[in-house]
Structure formats: structure tokens, C-alpha cells
Amino acid sequence: MTDSKDSRHPRAKAVGKRQRLMAAASRVLHEQGVERTTIADIARAADVPVGNVYYYFKTKDELVEAALSEHTGHLEALTGRLDQLPDPRERLKGLVEAWVSGRDTAARYGCPTGTLAVELDKRAEGGLDLAVGHVIRRLLDWVEEQYRQLGMADPEELALALVGAYQGMSLLSNALRDPEIMTREGARLVRWLDGLTEQVNTPGPR
């Protein structure tokens, strides 16, 4: 016996609601912060009745976890696209360009993952601070692998420097409400990447 279209429809609606709630949680928590955001705020942004939210997520912390899952998904989608580029230098430059493309959002709300990390670190318990660290670690590992493929001597240190520079420019852009900080610093990072890779490609003395 096979499922009819009608029998599949409720499941599809349920998946759709869950996905909308996850996307809304990611957006609203970034814009308002964890403490200021209520489950009702997320339900409203997802266009889901508040009572229905508890079918998918029992607590606000579960919605925070869902937001972190969304951040992970966005990161994996971005790095997946960049992995299609044959040159690791171009992948890193593409990452910087993606950061800069979000400059208006960064200027208004800061880095989505970075702001969550700072806020969740203030909690006495819950373990969500460790969960957000896993998202940042995924980014660091990917960046480190690009430097490794470039043949750089200290790929881990270089990954920390690049991701740290992104967090710094996001913070300054947000604090000063100036998206052009992201533009200028992004251009500097691209020049820095070109300089590093030129060191690798320049032949040594014979």
C-alpha cells in the first residue's frame, strides 16, 4: 500500500512549519538577542500559532539550538559552494566576499554566530555556549584546511587570524553602525591573502 498525496500532505506541512520556526529563530535571535526574544516573537515571525510551537520545540533553549543548526546549515552551504572553486586561495577570498556582502546586517546586529557566542557565554548553565563554539570550530577547520592546501607553514594560526579579523570587523561595524568598515577591512583581508599566497608561490634563491 502506498501513501496517497493526501496522507503525505500533513507531514509536508509539519516539516514546513518546523523549517519556518528554525529560520525565524535564527533571524529573530540575531536581531533581538536571546534574553529579549520570546517564543511568541519567533512564532509570529514564522507565521505559526504560538500553541503549535510546542509541538516542535518545548523550550526557548530548543529554539536557540535550532537557530544554531540553521547557522551550521548556512555555513555548510556556503563552504560547499566555495569548495567548487579549484583554488583554495579563491575559496578564502570568496569567504571574505561573503562576509562583506552581509555588511548591512553586520552593522545593525553584528555577526550572527559571534553575538550568540557572547550572549550565551554569560549563562551559568545550559551548555549552549559549547554548542555555538562547535559552529565557529567548523568555520575554523574549513579555513585551516584551505591554508593547508596552500602549503602554508602555520595553517591553524592563520585560520585563527582570518576568522578573528572577521569577528573584529563585524564588532566594529556594529558598534559604529558603519557597514563600510566591513568593505574596507574585507579589501584589506583580500590583499593579505594575496600577499600570503605570493610568498608560497615565489621561488626561493637558487
Protein backbone atom coordinates (compact mmCIF):
# COMPACT_ATOMS: atom_id res chain seq x y z
CA MET A 1 0.00 0.00 0.00
CA THR A 2 1.45 3.38 -1.00
CA ASP A 3 0.88 6.77 0.59
CA SER A 4 -1.58 9.00 -1.17
CA LYS A 5 -0.91 12.67 -1.79
CA ASP A 6 -3.37 13.50 0.99
CA SER A 7 -1.54 11.31 3.51
CA ARG A 8 1.79 12.94 2.67
CA HIS A 9 0.42 16.47 2.91
CA PRO A 10 0.21 16.75 6.74
CA ARG A 11 3.80 15.58 7.07
CA ALA A 12 4.95 18.10 4.49
CA LYS A 13 3.09 20.86 6.35
CA ALA A 14 4.74 19.79 9.62
CA VAL A 15 8.21 19.89 8.05
CA GLY A 16 7.42 23.28 6.57
CA LYS A 17 6.38 24.70 9.95
CA ARG A 18 9.46 23.34 11.65
CA GLN A 19 11.73 24.82 8.99
CA ARG A 20 9.97 28.18 9.24
CA LEU A 21 10.41 28.17 13.00
CA MET A 22 14.10 27.33 12.70
CA ALA A 23 14.68 30.11 10.17
CA ALA A 24 12.67 32.57 12.24
CA ALA A 25 14.56 31.63 15.40
CA SER A 26 17.87 32.25 13.65
CA ARG A 27 16.76 35.66 12.39
CA VAL A 28 14.91 36.94 15.47
CA LEU A 29 17.53 35.79 17.98
CA HIS A 30 20.18 37.56 15.91
CA GLU A 31 18.16 40.76 15.76
CA GLN A 32 16.87 40.83 19.34
CA GLY A 33 19.20 38.62 21.35
CA VAL A 34 18.31 35.56 23.39
CA GLU A 35 17.08 37.27 26.54
CA ARG A 36 14.80 39.75 24.79
CA THR A 37 13.27 37.19 22.43
CA THR A 38 10.16 35.26 23.41
CA ILE A 39 8.70 32.13 21.88
CA ALA A 40 5.78 34.30 20.76
CA ASP A 41 8.20 36.56 18.83
CA ILE A 42 9.57 33.58 16.93
CA ALA A 43 6.10 32.14 16.31
CA ARG A 44 4.93 35.46 14.90
CA ALA A 45 7.98 35.77 12.63
CA ALA A 46 7.40 32.21 11.36
CA ASP A 47 3.66 32.78 10.91
CA VAL A 48 2.95 29.79 13.17
CA PRO A 49 0.38 29.87 16.02
CA VAL A 50 2.15 30.09 19.37
CA GLY A 51 0.43 26.94 20.63
CA ASN A 52 1.82 24.98 17.69
CA VAL A 53 5.41 25.88 18.52
CA TYR A 54 5.47 23.49 21.49
CA TYR A 55 4.75 20.56 19.18
CA TYR A 56 8.19 21.11 17.64
CA PHE A 57 10.19 22.89 20.36
CA LYS A 58 9.39 22.55 24.05
CA THR A 59 11.53 25.42 25.32
CA LYS A 60 13.24 28.58 24.11
CA ASP A 61 16.58 26.84 24.56
CA GLU A 62 15.50 24.27 21.99
CA LEU A 63 14.76 27.14 19.62
CA VAL A 64 18.24 28.53 20.29
CA GLU A 65 19.64 25.11 19.37
CA ALA A 66 17.52 25.21 16.21
CA ALA A 67 18.98 28.62 15.37
CA LEU A 68 22.49 27.22 15.79
CA SER A 69 21.54 24.38 13.47
CA GLU A 70 20.45 26.98 10.92
CA HIS A 71 23.78 28.76 11.26
CA THR A 72 25.57 25.46 10.70
CA GLY A 73 23.44 24.80 7.63
CA HIS A 74 24.20 28.23 6.17
CA LEU A 75 27.92 27.74 6.81
CA GLU A 76 27.91 24.30 5.18
CA ALA A 77 26.01 25.63 2.17
CA LEU A 78 28.50 28.49 1.79
CA THR A 79 31.61 26.36 2.14
CA GLY A 80 30.05 23.75 -0.13
CA ARG A 81 29.70 26.37 -2.87
CA LEU A 82 33.22 27.64 -2.28
CA ASP A 83 34.59 24.10 -2.43
CA GLN A 84 33.57 24.04 -6.08
CA LEU A 85 36.35 26.55 -6.78
CA PRO A 86 39.58 24.79 -7.75
CA ASP A 87 41.96 27.20 -5.96
CA PRO A 88 42.00 27.36 -2.10
CA ARG A 89 43.13 30.98 -2.31
CA GLU A 90 39.99 31.84 -4.29
CA ARG A 91 37.88 29.92 -1.77
CA LEU A 92 39.25 32.03 1.07
CA LYS A 93 38.71 35.22 -0.91
CA GLY A 94 35.18 34.06 -1.68
CA LEU A 95 34.61 33.59 2.06
CA VAL A 96 35.72 37.17 2.71
CA GLU A 97 33.45 38.41 -0.08
CA ALA A 98 30.53 36.55 1.52
CA TRP A 99 31.30 38.24 4.85
CA VAL A 100 31.41 41.65 3.20
CA SER A 101 28.14 41.01 1.35
CA GLY A 102 26.44 40.85 4.76
CA ARG A 103 27.86 44.20 5.87
CA ASP A 104 24.50 45.95 6.31
CA THR A 105 23.21 43.21 8.61
CA ALA A 106 26.52 43.10 10.49
CA ALA A 107 26.44 46.87 11.01
CA ARG A 108 22.99 46.65 12.52
CA TYR A 109 23.16 43.41 14.51
CA GLY A 110 26.73 42.08 14.47
CA CYS A 111 27.91 38.62 13.43
CA PRO A 112 25.05 36.11 13.91
CA THR A 113 27.20 33.42 15.49
CA GLY A 114 29.57 35.76 17.29
CA THR A 115 26.81 37.70 19.04
CA LEU A 116 25.18 34.46 20.15
CA ALA A 117 28.50 33.20 21.47
CA VAL A 118 28.99 36.32 23.59
CA GLU A 119 25.46 36.25 24.95
CA LEU A 120 25.35 32.53 25.71
CA ASP A 121 28.73 32.69 27.44
CA LYS A 122 27.09 34.82 30.16
CA ARG A 123 24.79 31.97 31.16
CA ALA A 124 25.64 29.96 34.24
CA GLU A 125 24.44 26.67 32.75
CA GLY A 126 22.77 25.06 29.76
CA GLY A 127 25.68 24.07 27.53
CA LEU A 128 24.53 26.21 24.61
CA ASP A 129 27.77 28.19 24.84
CA LEU A 130 29.59 24.99 23.87
CA ALA A 131 27.15 24.37 21.03
CA VAL A 132 27.82 27.76 19.47
CA GLY A 133 31.54 27.07 19.80
CA HIS A 134 31.09 24.00 17.60
CA VAL A 135 29.72 26.21 14.81
CA ILE A 136 32.74 28.51 14.99
CA ARG A 137 35.05 25.49 15.11
CA ARG A 138 33.57 24.21 11.84
CA LEU A 139 34.49 27.51 10.21
CA LEU A 140 37.99 27.48 11.65
CA ASP A 141 38.57 23.91 10.49
CA TRP A 142 37.46 24.75 6.95
CA VAL A 143 39.67 27.85 6.77
CA GLU A 144 42.60 25.90 8.22
CA GLU A 145 42.20 23.25 5.52
CA GLN A 146 42.41 25.91 2.80
CA TYR A 147 45.69 27.21 4.20
CA ARG A 148 46.96 23.67 4.48
CA GLN A 149 46.20 23.09 0.80
CA LEU A 150 48.09 26.28 0.02
CA GLY A 151 51.14 24.82 1.73
CA MET A 152 51.30 27.42 4.50
CA ALA A 153 53.51 26.60 7.47
CA ASP A 154 51.01 27.54 10.22
CA PRO A 155 47.51 26.86 8.87
CA GLU A 156 45.90 26.79 12.33
CA GLU A 157 47.34 30.17 13.34
CA LEU A 158 46.40 31.69 10.01
CA ALA A 159 42.84 30.39 10.35
CA LEU A 160 42.55 31.99 13.79
CA ALA A 161 43.88 35.26 12.38
CA LEU A 162 41.42 35.34 9.48
CA VAL A 163 38.33 34.40 11.48
CA GLY A 164 39.43 36.71 14.28
CA ALA A 165 39.73 39.56 11.79
CA TYR A 166 36.17 38.86 10.63
CA GLN A 167 34.84 38.93 14.19
CA GLY A 168 36.72 42.15 14.84
CA MET A 169 35.44 43.96 11.78
CA SER A 170 31.91 42.78 12.48
CA LEU A 171 32.13 44.09 16.03
CA LEU A 172 33.48 47.48 14.96
CA SER A 173 30.97 47.77 12.15
CA ASN A 174 28.15 47.05 14.60
CA ALA A 175 29.48 49.32 17.36
CA LEU A 176 29.94 52.25 14.98
CA ARG A 177 26.91 51.40 12.81
CA ASP A 178 29.18 51.67 9.77
CA PRO A 179 28.91 48.91 7.13
CA GLU A 180 31.82 50.41 5.18
CA ILE A 181 34.19 49.15 7.87
CA MET A 182 33.37 45.69 6.56
CA THR A 183 34.08 46.83 3.00
CA ARG A 184 37.45 48.36 3.83
CA GLU A 185 38.59 45.56 6.11
CA GLY A 186 37.40 42.95 3.63
CA ALA A 187 39.55 44.53 0.93
CA ARG A 188 42.49 44.52 3.33
CA LEU A 189 41.97 40.82 4.06
CA VAL A 190 41.92 40.01 0.36
CA ARG A 191 45.24 41.87 -0.09
CA TRP A 192 46.60 40.00 2.92
CA LEU A 193 45.56 36.67 1.40
CA ASP A 194 47.20 37.59 -1.90
CA GLY A 195 50.40 38.50 -0.08
CA LEU A 196 50.48 35.25 1.87
CA THR A 197 49.92 33.10 -1.18
CA GLU A 198 52.50 35.04 -3.17
CA GLN A 199 55.04 34.04 -0.50
CA VAL A 200 54.21 30.41 -1.19
CA ASN A 201 54.38 30.80 -4.95
CA THR A 202 57.60 32.83 -5.06
CA PRO A 203 60.62 30.59 -5.78
CA GLY A 204 63.44 30.70 -3.23
CA PRO A 205 67.02 31.63 -4.09
CA ARG A 206 68.91 29.12 -6.22
